């Protein structure tokens, strides 16, 4: 059984988080073009990581296995290094985000069927859709909410 802990990410770890992000995106976002990855990489490093509360899943040696970012009860990012997919780290991070950070919502690329299935399995439901992503790129986004929290959101 793999053991890992969840803790706060430090700003000095941002380059490592971007490496995990890029490896994860390359493994799961086959709909993105290379130019999109190049476009988002500096935004992740210089803007997006500072805009969220970050938590990392680490192994016993402190190596970052995956991370999440939360803002306003919305899971803004959840990325697992591809070497660690299928080990329960994503589930553990999501459970942490829900129980410790009061996450109630997540937005998912419509083409990322694995992520949609993951969130549906963990109690989220689709409540809306946007034709463009937050950057105005033509990657439709599904808006999802935790079923148990839906009545609490005004």
Protein backbone atom coordinates (compact mmCIF):
# COMPACT_ATOMS: atom_id res chain seq x y z
CA UNK A 1 0.00 0.00 0.00
CA UNK A 2 1.38 3.38 -0.97
CA UNK A 3 1.48 5.91 1.81
CA UNK A 4 1.46 9.60 1.16
CA UNK A 5 0.48 12.77 2.92
CA UNK A 6 -1.32 15.90 1.82
CA UNK A 7 0.15 19.24 2.79
CA UNK A 8 0.55 22.85 1.67
CA UNK A 9 2.59 23.53 -1.46
CA UNK A 10 5.34 26.13 -1.20
CA UNK A 11 5.98 28.82 -3.81
CA UNK A 12 9.49 27.40 -4.25
CA UNK A 13 7.83 24.20 -5.52
CA UNK A 14 5.97 25.90 -8.37
CA UNK A 15 8.42 24.63 -11.04
CA UNK A 16 7.84 21.08 -9.78
CA UNK A 17 4.06 21.60 -9.84
CA UNK A 18 4.26 22.83 -13.43
CA UNK A 19 6.24 19.70 -14.35
CA UNK A 20 3.52 17.53 -12.77
CA UNK A 21 0.85 19.62 -14.54
CA UNK A 22 2.52 19.23 -17.93
CA UNK A 23 3.12 15.49 -17.56
CA UNK A 24 -0.48 15.01 -16.44
CA UNK A 25 -1.91 17.13 -19.24
CA UNK A 26 0.15 15.29 -21.86
CA UNK A 27 -1.17 11.97 -20.49
CA UNK A 28 -4.85 12.97 -20.26
CA UNK A 29 -5.60 15.98 -22.48
CA UNK A 30 -4.94 14.52 -25.92
CA UNK A 31 -7.29 17.11 -27.41
CA UNK A 32 -4.88 19.97 -26.59
CA UNK A 33 -2.45 21.15 -29.21
CA UNK A 34 1.24 21.64 -28.45
CA UNK A 35 0.77 25.40 -28.81
CA UNK A 36 -1.96 25.27 -26.13
CA UNK A 37 0.39 23.58 -23.68
CA UNK A 38 3.05 26.21 -24.45
CA UNK A 39 0.40 28.93 -23.97
CA UNK A 40 -0.81 27.62 -20.60
CA UNK A 41 2.57 26.66 -19.08
CA UNK A 42 3.69 30.21 -18.14
CA UNK A 43 0.14 31.10 -17.06
CA UNK A 44 0.11 28.14 -14.69
CA UNK A 45 3.53 29.07 -13.28
CA UNK A 46 3.11 32.83 -13.05
CA UNK A 47 -0.63 33.38 -12.52
CA UNK A 48 -2.84 30.38 -11.84
CA UNK A 49 -0.87 28.78 -8.99
CA UNK A 50 -0.93 32.07 -7.06
CA UNK A 51 -4.72 32.34 -7.54
CA UNK A 52 -5.58 29.18 -5.58
CA UNK A 53 -4.93 27.43 -2.28
CA UNK A 54 -2.53 24.64 -3.19
CA UNK A 55 -2.12 21.23 -1.60
CA UNK A 56 0.25 18.44 -2.63
CA UNK A 57 0.20 14.70 -2.20
CA UNK A 58 3.72 13.57 -1.29
CA UNK A 59 5.41 10.26 -0.76
CA UNK A 60 7.58 9.46 2.26
CA UNK A 61 10.57 11.22 0.68
CA UNK A 62 8.57 14.41 0.08
CA UNK A 63 8.28 13.94 -3.69
CA UNK A 64 5.19 15.62 -5.16
CA UNK A 65 2.94 12.92 -6.65
CA UNK A 66 0.03 15.22 -7.49
CA UNK A 67 -1.56 18.48 -6.45
CA UNK A 68 -4.79 20.42 -6.29
CA UNK A 69 -5.81 24.06 -6.24
CA UNK A 70 -9.00 25.51 -4.74
CA UNK A 71 -10.61 28.96 -4.89
CA UNK A 72 -14.09 29.88 -3.61
CA UNK A 73 -15.15 26.25 -2.99
CA UNK A 74 -14.27 25.44 -6.61
CA UNK A 75 -11.68 22.80 -7.47
CA UNK A 76 -9.66 24.77 -10.01
CA UNK A 77 -7.00 22.14 -10.63
CA UNK A 78 -6.28 18.51 -9.78
CA UNK A 79 -3.29 16.95 -11.48
CA UNK A 80 -1.60 13.63 -10.79
CA UNK A 81 1.76 12.70 -12.29
CA UNK A 82 1.08 9.93 -14.83
CA UNK A 83 3.45 7.57 -12.98
CA UNK A 84 1.04 7.76 -10.02
CA UNK A 85 -2.32 7.48 -11.78
CA UNK A 86 -4.54 4.67 -10.56
CA UNK A 87 -2.97 4.58 -7.09
CA UNK A 88 -5.77 6.41 -5.23
CA UNK A 89 -3.93 9.73 -4.99
CA UNK A 90 -6.55 11.58 -7.05
CA UNK A 91 -9.32 10.19 -4.86
CA UNK A 92 -7.43 11.12 -1.70
CA UNK A 93 -6.79 14.66 -2.94
CA UNK A 94 -10.43 15.08 -3.99
CA UNK A 95 -11.68 13.79 -0.63
CA UNK A 96 -9.29 16.20 1.10
CA UNK A 97 -10.56 19.09 -1.04
CA UNK A 98 -14.17 18.27 -0.18
CA UNK A 99 -13.71 17.63 3.55
CA UNK A 100 -10.94 20.10 4.42
CA UNK A 101 -11.41 22.86 1.83
CA UNK A 102 -15.21 22.65 1.37
CA UNK A 103 -15.03 22.09 -2.41
CA UNK A 104 -18.49 21.94 -3.96
CA UNK A 105 -17.82 22.58 -7.67
CA UNK A 106 -15.42 21.71 -10.45
CA UNK A 107 -15.13 22.65 -14.12
CA UNK A 108 -13.90 19.95 -16.51
CA UNK A 109 -12.92 19.94 -20.17
CA UNK A 110 -15.74 18.18 -22.00
CA UNK A 111 -13.19 16.18 -24.02
CA UNK A 112 -11.54 14.85 -20.84
CA UNK A 113 -13.82 11.84 -20.46
CA UNK A 114 -11.63 10.20 -17.79
CA UNK A 115 -11.92 13.25 -15.54
CA UNK A 116 -15.68 13.50 -16.08
CA UNK A 117 -16.06 9.83 -15.12
CA UNK A 118 -13.86 10.37 -12.05
CA UNK A 119 -15.97 13.27 -10.78
CA UNK A 120 -19.28 11.53 -11.56
CA UNK A 121 -18.05 8.48 -9.60
CA UNK A 122 -17.25 10.73 -6.64
CA UNK A 123 -20.66 12.38 -6.35
CA UNK A 124 -20.55 15.29 -8.80
CA UNK A 125 -23.15 15.95 -11.47
CA UNK A 126 -23.12 18.13 -14.57
CA UNK A 127 -25.12 21.33 -14.00
CA UNK A 128 -24.04 23.42 -16.99
CA UNK A 129 -21.80 23.81 -20.02
CA UNK A 130 -19.75 26.59 -21.57
CA UNK A 131 -18.72 26.50 -25.22
CA UNK A 132 -15.31 28.11 -24.51
CA UNK A 133 -12.80 27.62 -21.71
CA UNK A 134 -11.86 30.46 -19.33
CA UNK A 135 -9.18 31.64 -21.78
CA UNK A 136 -11.70 31.89 -24.62
CA UNK A 137 -10.29 28.81 -26.38
CA UNK A 138 -12.70 26.43 -28.14
CA UNK A 139 -12.56 23.70 -25.49
CA UNK A 140 -16.05 23.27 -24.03
CA UNK A 141 -16.25 23.13 -20.23
CA UNK A 142 -18.71 21.12 -18.15
CA UNK A 143 -19.68 22.73 -14.85
CA UNK A 144 -20.15 20.13 -12.12
CA UNK A 145 -21.40 20.31 -8.53
CA UNK A 146 -21.41 17.87 -5.66
CA UNK A 147 -24.92 16.42 -5.51
CA UNK A 148 -25.04 16.77 -1.72
CA UNK A 149 -24.12 20.47 -1.92
CA UNK A 150 -26.38 21.50 -4.78
CA UNK A 151 -29.20 22.70 -2.51
CA UNK A 152 -26.71 24.72 -0.43
CA UNK A 153 -25.40 26.79 -3.33
CA UNK A 154 -27.31 29.97 -3.98
